[in-house]
C-alpha cells in the first residue's frame, strides 16, 4: 500500500466494497469495509488500499480474519494514533454481521 505525509488531519474514514470467498460454504462474500483512523503523520492512498483489498477477491477468509488482517497491515504501514476496521455483510437478506477490530478512543 502506498502512503503519503500529512499534517493537521484529525480523522480519516474510508468505506470500501470487499469480495472474498467464505471458507465455510465457498460462496462469494460481498461486504462493506470501513476503516477509521487518526493519522500519525501518514495517510494511506485510496487507490493503493483499493488494490490491496482486491487481493481478497479469490481468498477463502472469514470476516473475522479479514478485519484483523487489514488492521494489522494498515497499522504496519501507517503507525496511526488509533485505527478501527469494521466489516459489515448481509447474509441471505436476513442477517447482518458486523465485525470490528480495534478500539476508537
C-alpha atoms as a PDB file:
ATOM      1  CA  UNK A   1       0.000   0.000   0.000  1.00  0.00           C
ATOM      2  CA  UNK A   2       1.149   3.478  -0.781  1.00  0.00           C
ATOM      3  CA  UNK A   3       1.127   6.185   1.880  1.00  0.00           C
ATOM      4  CA  UNK A   4       1.821   9.901   1.942  1.00  0.00           C
ATOM      5  CA  UNK A   5       2.793  12.532   4.503  1.00  0.00           C
ATOM      6  CA  UNK A   6       0.003  14.603   6.035  1.00  0.00           C
ATOM      7  CA  UNK A   7      -0.310  17.150   8.806  1.00  0.00           C
ATOM      8  CA  UNK A   8      -3.324  18.536  10.628  1.00  0.00           C
ATOM      9  CA  UNK A   9      -5.800  15.740   9.802  1.00  0.00           C
ATOM     10  CA  UNK A  10      -7.808  14.655  12.853  1.00  0.00           C
ATOM     11  CA  UNK A  11      -9.552  11.608  11.396  1.00  0.00           C
ATOM     12  CA  UNK A  12      -9.821   9.622   8.175  1.00  0.00           C
ATOM     13  CA  UNK A  13     -12.767   7.396   7.231  1.00  0.00           C
ATOM     14  CA  UNK A  14     -12.728   5.083   4.222  1.00  0.00           C
ATOM     15  CA  UNK A  15     -15.659   2.919   3.089  1.00  0.00           C
ATOM     16  CA  UNK A  16     -14.946   0.209   0.539  1.00  0.00           C
ATOM     17  CA  UNK A  17     -16.590  -2.814  -1.019  1.00  0.00           C
ATOM     18  CA  UNK A  18     -14.749  -6.088  -0.416  1.00  0.00           C
ATOM     19  CA  UNK A  19     -15.173  -9.502  -2.010  1.00  0.00           C
ATOM     20  CA  UNK A  20     -13.784 -12.725  -0.639  1.00  0.00           C
ATOM     21  CA  UNK A  21     -14.658 -16.414  -0.528  1.00  0.00           C
ATOM     22  CA  UNK A  22     -16.480 -17.772   2.507  1.00  0.00           C
ATOM     23  CA  UNK A  23     -14.341 -20.587   3.949  1.00  0.00           C
ATOM     24  CA  UNK A  24     -17.455 -22.453   5.113  1.00  0.00           C
ATOM     25  CA  UNK A  25     -19.684 -22.606   2.020  1.00  0.00           C
ATOM     26  CA  UNK A  26     -17.137 -21.466  -0.624  1.00  0.00           C
ATOM     27  CA  UNK A  27     -19.581 -18.832  -1.898  1.00  0.00           C
ATOM     28  CA  UNK A  28     -18.550 -15.292  -2.785  1.00  0.00           C
ATOM     29  CA  UNK A  29     -18.896 -12.933   0.173  1.00  0.00           C
ATOM     30  CA  UNK A  30     -19.550  -9.274  -0.520  1.00  0.00           C
ATOM     31  CA  UNK A  31     -19.241  -6.871   2.359  1.00  0.00           C
ATOM     32  CA  UNK A  32     -18.654  -3.246   3.267  1.00  0.00           C
ATOM     33  CA  UNK A  33     -15.356  -2.455   4.942  1.00  0.00           C
ATOM     34  CA  UNK A  34     -14.977   0.733   6.972  1.00  0.00           C
ATOM     35  CA  UNK A  35     -11.590   1.979   8.106  1.00  0.00           C
ATOM     36  CA  UNK A  36     -11.396   4.865  10.573  1.00  0.00           C
ATOM     37  CA  UNK A  37      -8.112   6.160  11.942  1.00  0.00           C
ATOM     38  CA  UNK A  38      -6.259   9.148  13.343  1.00  0.00           C
ATOM     39  CA  UNK A  39      -3.128   9.712  11.273  1.00  0.00           C
ATOM     40  CA  UNK A  40       0.240   9.991  12.933  1.00  0.00           C
ATOM     41  CA  UNK A  41       1.828  11.882  10.057  1.00  0.00           C
ATOM     42  CA  UNK A  42       0.858   9.484   7.246  1.00  0.00           C
ATOM     43  CA  UNK A  43      -2.302   8.564   5.327  1.00  0.00           C
ATOM     44  CA  UNK A  44      -2.998   5.611   3.070  1.00  0.00           C
ATOM     45  CA  UNK A  45      -3.540   6.375  -0.601  1.00  0.00           C
ATOM     46  CA  UNK A  46      -7.056   5.203  -1.526  1.00  0.00           C
ATOM     47  CA  UNK A  47      -6.145   3.619  -4.874  1.00  0.00           C
ATOM     48  CA  UNK A  48      -3.406   1.590  -3.181  1.00  0.00           C
ATOM     49  CA  UNK A  49      -5.812   0.456  -0.461  1.00  0.00           C
ATOM     50  CA  UNK A  50      -8.348  -0.493  -3.127  1.00  0.00           C
ATOM     51  CA  UNK A  51      -5.716  -2.599  -4.914  1.00  0.00           C
ATOM     52  CA  UNK A  52      -4.818  -4.269  -1.607  1.00  0.00           C
ATOM     53  CA  UNK A  53      -8.469  -5.080  -0.885  1.00  0.00           C
ATOM     54  CA  UNK A  54      -8.883  -6.528  -4.401  1.00  0.00           C
ATOM     55  CA  UNK A  55      -6.394  -9.189  -3.281  1.00  0.00           C
ATOM     56  CA  UNK A  56      -9.075 -10.726  -1.049  1.00  0.00           C
ATOM     57  CA  UNK A  57     -11.379 -11.477  -4.025  1.00  0.00           C
ATOM     58  CA  UNK A  58     -10.121 -15.012  -4.567  1.00  0.00           C
ATOM     59  CA  UNK A  59      -9.179 -15.824  -0.982  1.00  0.00           C
ATOM     60  CA  UNK A  60     -11.020 -18.037   1.447  1.00  0.00           C
ATOM     61  CA  UNK A  61     -11.190 -15.891   4.577  1.00  0.00           C
ATOM     62  CA  UNK A  62     -13.742 -15.244   7.293  1.00  0.00           C
ATOM     63  CA  UNK A  63     -14.921 -11.720   8.068  1.00  0.00           C
ATOM     64  CA  UNK A  64     -13.261 -12.017  11.462  1.00  0.00           C
ATOM     65  CA  UNK A  65      -9.892 -12.894   9.936  1.00  0.00           C
ATOM     66  CA  UNK A  66     -10.271 -10.217   7.269  1.00  0.00           C
ATOM     67  CA  UNK A  67     -10.716  -7.306   9.695  1.00  0.00           C
ATOM     68  CA  UNK A  68      -7.734  -8.412  11.774  1.00  0.00           C
ATOM     69  CA  UNK A  69      -5.522  -8.837   8.703  1.00  0.00           C
ATOM     70  CA  UNK A  70      -6.471  -5.429   7.280  1.00  0.00           C
ATOM     71  CA  UNK A  71      -5.969  -3.756  10.660  1.00  0.00           C
ATOM     72  CA  UNK A  72      -2.506  -5.277  11.074  1.00  0.00           C
ATOM     73  CA  UNK A  73      -1.482  -4.305   7.524  1.00  0.00           C
ATOM     74  CA  UNK A  74      -2.653  -0.706   7.927  1.00  0.00           C
ATOM     75  CA  UNK A  75      -1.071  -0.387  11.362  1.00  0.00           C
ATOM     76  CA  UNK A  76       2.227  -1.606   9.906  1.00  0.00           C
ATOM     77  CA  UNK A  77       2.284   0.982   7.084  1.00  0.00           C
ATOM     78  CA  UNK A  78       0.731   3.927   8.954  1.00  0.00           C
ATOM     79  CA  UNK A  79       1.571   3.615  12.666  1.00  0.00           C
ATOM     80  CA  UNK A  80      -1.618   5.598  13.365  1.00  0.00           C
ATOM     81  CA  UNK A  81      -2.609   7.058  16.738  1.00  0.00           C
ATOM     82  CA  UNK A  82      -5.550   4.633  16.618  1.00  0.00           C
ATOM     83  CA  UNK A  83      -7.275   2.581  13.944  1.00  0.00           C
ATOM     84  CA  UNK A  84     -10.569   0.697  13.678  1.00  0.00           C
ATOM     85  CA  UNK A  85     -11.555  -1.685  10.881  1.00  0.00           C
ATOM     86  CA  UNK A  86     -15.172  -2.796  10.585  1.00  0.00           C
ATOM     87  CA  UNK A  87     -16.688  -5.249   8.119  1.00  0.00           C
ATOM     88  CA  UNK A  88     -20.442  -5.490   7.571  1.00  0.00           C
ATOM     89  CA  UNK A  89     -22.187  -8.087   5.444  1.00  0.00           C
ATOM     90  CA  UNK A  90     -25.758  -9.212   4.922  1.00  0.00           C
ATOM     91  CA  UNK A  91     -26.455 -12.935   4.784  1.00  0.00           C
ATOM     92  CA  UNK A  92     -29.477 -14.072   2.775  1.00  0.00           C
ATOM     93  CA  UNK A  93     -31.076 -10.640   3.184  1.00  0.00           C
ATOM     94  CA  UNK A  94     -31.998 -11.556   6.779  1.00  0.00           C
ATOM     95  CA  UNK A  95     -28.912 -11.473   8.957  1.00  0.00           C
ATOM     96  CA  UNK A  96     -26.435  -8.598   9.228  1.00  0.00           C
ATOM     97  CA  UNK A  97     -22.972  -9.426  10.524  1.00  0.00           C
ATOM     98  CA  UNK A  98     -20.638  -6.668  11.715  1.00  0.00           C
ATOM     99  CA  UNK A  99     -17.111  -7.468  12.868  1.00  0.00           C
ATOM    100  CA  UNK A 100     -14.771  -4.842  14.345  1.00  0.00           C
ATOM    101  CA  UNK A 101     -11.057  -4.898  15.156  1.00  0.00           C
ATOM    102  CA  UNK A 102      -9.528  -2.060  17.136  1.00  0.00           C
ATOM    103  CA  UNK A 103     -10.833   0.488  19.601  1.00  0.00           C
ATOM    104  CA  UNK A 104     -11.645   4.094  18.981  1.00  0.00           C
ATOM    105  CA  UNK A 105     -10.800   6.310  21.969  1.00  0.00           C
END
